[in-house]
């Protein structure tokens, strides 16, 4: 689930940057700078879930685990109280 959600947010976010920049190259640089930290965080968290199966123990959603879920690509901000 994390991979599919991350891919959709990345695709949507890239379309935002492509619409705002004069060249594809400039858009890719801006997109990478903006989205890479969230993508890296989501991938690391997904790997941790797979490694220790923490979700099988019940509600293990810590603030760190919910960081990716709080990202709102439409507004480009973190939503929900932190």
N, C-alpha and C. Protein backbone atom coordinates (compact mmCIF):
# COMPACT_ATOMS: atom_id res chain seq x y z
N UNK A 1 0.82 -1.20 0.00
CA UNK A 1 0.00 0.00 0.00
C UNK A 1 0.86 1.26 0.00
N UNK A 2 1.96 1.24 0.76
CA UNK A 2 2.80 2.43 0.79
C UNK A 2 3.40 2.73 -0.58
N UNK A 3 3.80 1.70 -1.30
CA UNK A 3 4.41 1.91 -2.60
C UNK A 3 3.43 2.49 -3.62
N UNK A 4 2.21 1.97 -3.62
CA UNK A 4 1.21 2.47 -4.56
C UNK A 4 0.83 3.91 -4.24
N UNK A 5 0.62 4.20 -2.97
CA UNK A 5 0.28 5.57 -2.57
C UNK A 5 1.41 6.54 -2.88
N UNK A 6 2.64 6.11 -2.62
CA UNK A 6 3.80 6.96 -2.89
C UNK A 6 3.91 7.23 -4.40
N UNK A 7 3.68 6.22 -5.22
CA UNK A 7 3.75 6.40 -6.67
C UNK A 7 2.70 7.38 -7.17
N UNK A 8 1.50 7.30 -6.60
CA UNK A 8 0.44 8.23 -7.03
C UNK A 8 0.75 9.66 -6.61
N UNK A 9 1.23 9.84 -5.39
CA UNK A 9 1.61 11.19 -4.93
C UNK A 9 2.77 11.72 -5.77
N UNK A 10 3.75 10.87 -6.07
CA UNK A 10 4.88 11.31 -6.88
C UNK A 10 4.43 11.74 -8.28
N UNK A 11 3.56 10.95 -8.90
CA UNK A 11 3.07 11.31 -10.23
C UNK A 11 2.28 12.60 -10.23
N UNK A 12 1.40 12.76 -9.26
CA UNK A 12 0.61 13.98 -9.15
C UNK A 12 1.51 15.18 -8.89
N UNK A 13 2.46 15.02 -7.98
CA UNK A 13 3.37 16.12 -7.64
C UNK A 13 4.24 16.51 -8.84
N UNK A 14 4.66 15.52 -9.61
CA UNK A 14 5.45 15.83 -10.80
C UNK A 14 4.61 16.62 -11.80
N UNK A 15 3.35 16.28 -11.94
CA UNK A 15 2.50 17.04 -12.87
C UNK A 15 2.36 18.50 -12.42
N UNK A 16 2.31 18.73 -11.10
CA UNK A 16 2.26 20.10 -10.60
C UNK A 16 3.52 20.87 -10.99
N UNK A 17 4.68 20.25 -10.79
CA UNK A 17 5.93 20.94 -11.12
C UNK A 17 6.09 21.13 -12.63
N UNK A 18 5.65 20.18 -13.43
CA UNK A 18 5.73 20.34 -14.88
C UNK A 18 4.87 21.52 -15.34
N UNK A 19 3.73 21.73 -14.70
CA UNK A 19 2.85 22.84 -15.07
C UNK A 19 3.43 24.19 -14.66
N UNK A 20 4.31 24.20 -13.68
CA UNK A 20 4.82 25.47 -13.14
C UNK A 20 6.19 25.88 -13.66
N UNK A 21 6.89 25.00 -14.35
CA UNK A 21 8.25 25.31 -14.79
C UNK A 21 8.33 25.34 -16.32
N UNK A 22 9.26 26.14 -16.81
CA UNK A 22 9.39 26.34 -18.25
C UNK A 22 9.94 25.12 -18.97
N UNK A 23 10.77 24.34 -18.29
CA UNK A 23 11.36 23.17 -18.95
C UNK A 23 11.16 21.93 -18.09
N UNK A 24 11.22 20.79 -18.75
CA UNK A 24 11.11 19.52 -18.03
C UNK A 24 12.27 19.38 -17.06
N UNK A 25 13.46 19.80 -17.49
CA UNK A 25 14.64 19.69 -16.64
C UNK A 25 14.46 20.47 -15.35
N UNK A 26 13.98 21.72 -15.46
CA UNK A 26 13.75 22.54 -14.26
C UNK A 26 12.67 21.93 -13.37
N UNK A 27 11.64 21.39 -13.99
CA UNK A 27 10.56 20.77 -13.22
C UNK A 27 11.07 19.55 -12.46
N UNK A 28 11.90 18.74 -13.11
CA UNK A 28 12.44 17.55 -12.45
C UNK A 28 13.32 17.91 -11.26
N UNK A 29 14.14 18.95 -11.41
CA UNK A 29 15.00 19.39 -10.31
C UNK A 29 14.14 19.85 -9.13
N UNK A 30 13.13 20.66 -9.40
CA UNK A 30 12.25 21.16 -8.34
C UNK A 30 11.48 20.02 -7.68
N UNK A 31 10.98 19.12 -8.50
CA UNK A 31 10.21 17.98 -7.98
C UNK A 31 11.07 17.09 -7.10
N UNK A 32 12.27 16.78 -7.57
CA UNK A 32 13.18 15.92 -6.80
C UNK A 32 13.50 16.55 -5.45
N UNK A 33 13.75 17.83 -5.44
CA UNK A 33 14.08 18.52 -4.18
C UNK A 33 12.90 18.51 -3.22
N UNK A 34 11.71 18.66 -3.75
CA UNK A 34 10.51 18.75 -2.92
C UNK A 34 10.03 17.39 -2.43
N UNK A 35 10.07 16.39 -3.29
CA UNK A 35 9.42 15.12 -3.00
C UNK A 35 10.37 14.03 -2.50
N UNK A 36 11.64 14.09 -2.83
CA UNK A 36 12.58 13.04 -2.45
C UNK A 36 12.56 12.73 -0.95
N UNK A 37 12.55 13.74 -0.05
CA UNK A 37 12.54 13.40 1.38
C UNK A 37 11.31 12.57 1.78
N UNK A 38 10.15 12.90 1.25
CA UNK A 38 8.95 12.14 1.59
C UNK A 38 9.01 10.73 0.99
N UNK A 39 9.51 10.62 -0.23
CA UNK A 39 9.64 9.30 -0.86
C UNK A 39 10.62 8.43 -0.08
N UNK A 40 11.77 8.99 0.28
CA UNK A 40 12.75 8.23 1.05
C UNK A 40 12.17 7.78 2.39
N UNK A 41 11.45 8.68 3.06
CA UNK A 41 10.84 8.34 4.35
C UNK A 41 9.83 7.20 4.18
N UNK A 42 8.99 7.29 3.16
CA UNK A 42 7.97 6.27 2.93
C UNK A 42 8.60 4.93 2.61
N UNK A 43 9.64 4.92 1.78
CA UNK A 43 10.31 3.67 1.44
C UNK A 43 10.99 3.04 2.65
N UNK A 44 11.62 3.86 3.47
CA UNK A 44 12.27 3.34 4.68
C UNK A 44 11.24 2.76 5.64
N UNK A 45 10.15 3.45 5.81
CA UNK A 45 9.09 2.98 6.70
C UNK A 45 8.48 1.67 6.19
N UNK A 46 8.26 1.59 4.89
CA UNK A 46 7.71 0.38 4.30
C UNK A 46 8.66 -0.80 4.50
N UNK A 47 9.95 -0.54 4.33
CA UNK A 47 10.95 -1.58 4.56
C UNK A 47 10.96 -2.05 6.01
N UNK A 48 10.79 -1.12 6.92
CA UNK A 48 10.74 -1.46 8.35
C UNK A 48 9.50 -2.30 8.65
N UNK A 49 8.36 -1.94 8.07
CA UNK A 49 7.14 -2.74 8.25
C UNK A 49 7.36 -4.17 7.75
N UNK A 50 7.97 -4.29 6.58
CA UNK A 50 8.20 -5.62 6.01
C UNK A 50 9.18 -6.42 6.87
N UNK A 51 10.19 -5.74 7.41
CA UNK A 51 11.21 -6.43 8.19
C UNK A 51 10.67 -6.97 9.51
N UNK A 52 9.88 -6.17 10.21
CA UNK A 52 9.46 -6.60 11.55
C UNK A 52 7.96 -6.87 11.67
N UNK A 53 7.24 -6.74 10.59
CA UNK A 53 5.80 -6.99 10.58
C UNK A 53 5.09 -6.25 11.71
N UNK A 54 5.48 -5.01 11.95
CA UNK A 54 4.92 -4.27 13.08
C UNK A 54 3.42 -4.03 12.96
N UNK A 55 2.90 -3.96 11.76
CA UNK A 55 1.45 -3.74 11.62
C UNK A 55 0.65 -4.97 12.05
N UNK A 56 1.27 -6.15 12.07
CA UNK A 56 0.55 -7.35 12.50
C UNK A 56 0.29 -7.35 14.01
N UNK A 57 0.93 -6.43 14.74
CA UNK A 57 0.77 -6.36 16.19
C UNK A 57 -0.37 -5.44 16.60
N UNK A 58 -1.08 -4.91 15.65
CA UNK A 58 -2.18 -3.99 15.97
C UNK A 58 -1.82 -2.58 15.60
N UNK A 59 -2.44 -1.63 16.25
CA UNK A 59 -2.24 -0.22 15.92
C UNK A 59 -0.86 0.25 16.35
N UNK A 60 0.07 0.23 15.43
CA UNK A 60 1.44 0.65 15.70
C UNK A 60 1.75 1.97 15.00
N UNK A 61 0.74 2.77 14.74
CA UNK A 61 0.93 4.02 14.01
C UNK A 61 1.47 5.10 14.93
N UNK A 62 2.77 5.29 14.87
CA UNK A 62 3.44 6.34 15.64
C UNK A 62 3.41 7.63 14.83
N UNK A 63 3.71 8.77 15.45
CA UNK A 63 3.78 10.02 14.68
C UNK A 63 4.73 9.91 13.48
N UNK A 64 5.86 9.22 13.66
CA UNK A 64 6.80 9.06 12.56
C UNK A 64 6.18 8.22 11.45
N UNK A 65 5.44 7.18 11.82
CA UNK A 65 4.80 6.32 10.83
C UNK A 65 3.72 7.06 10.06
N UNK A 66 3.08 8.02 10.68
CA UNK A 66 2.00 8.75 10.03
C UNK A 66 2.46 9.97 9.22
N UNK A 67 3.77 10.25 9.23
CA UNK A 67 4.25 11.43 8.52
C UNK A 67 3.87 11.41 7.04
N UNK A 68 4.07 10.29 6.38
CA UNK A 68 3.73 10.20 4.95
C UNK A 68 2.22 10.32 4.74
N UNK A 69 1.44 9.79 5.66
CA UNK A 69 -0.02 9.87 5.53
C UNK A 69 -0.53 11.30 5.68
N UNK A 70 0.22 12.13 6.39
CA UNK A 70 -0.22 13.51 6.61
C UNK A 70 0.10 14.43 5.45
N UNK A 71 0.94 14.00 4.50
CA UNK A 71 1.32 14.87 3.39
C UNK A 71 0.14 15.04 2.45
N UNK A 72 -0.22 16.28 2.16
CA UNK A 72 -1.33 16.61 1.27
C UNK A 72 -0.76 17.15 -0.04
N UNK A 73 -0.73 16.33 -1.11
CA UNK A 73 -0.12 16.78 -2.35
C UNK A 73 -0.89 17.90 -3.04
N UNK A 74 -2.18 18.02 -2.77
CA UNK A 74 -2.95 19.10 -3.39
C UNK A 74 -2.52 20.46 -2.86
N UNK A 75 -2.29 20.52 -1.56
CA UNK A 75 -1.89 21.78 -0.94
C UNK A 75 -0.38 21.89 -0.74
N UNK A 76 0.32 20.78 -0.96
CA UNK A 76 1.77 20.71 -0.77
C UNK A 76 2.17 21.04 0.66
N UNK A 77 1.40 20.58 1.58
CA UNK A 77 1.68 20.80 3.00
C UNK A 77 1.37 19.52 3.78
N UNK A 78 1.84 19.49 5.01
CA UNK A 78 1.46 18.43 5.91
C UNK A 78 0.09 18.78 6.47
N UNK A 79 -0.84 17.86 6.41
CA UNK A 79 -2.17 18.10 6.95
C UNK A 79 -2.29 17.43 8.31
N UNK A 80 -3.36 17.65 8.98
CA UNK A 80 -3.64 17.13 10.31
C UNK A 80 -2.66 17.71 11.31
N UNK A 81 -3.06 17.79 12.54
CA UNK A 81 -2.12 18.26 13.58
C UNK A 81 -0.94 17.31 13.70
N UNK A 82 0.20 17.87 14.01
CA UNK A 82 1.40 17.03 14.14
C UNK A 82 1.77 16.84 15.57
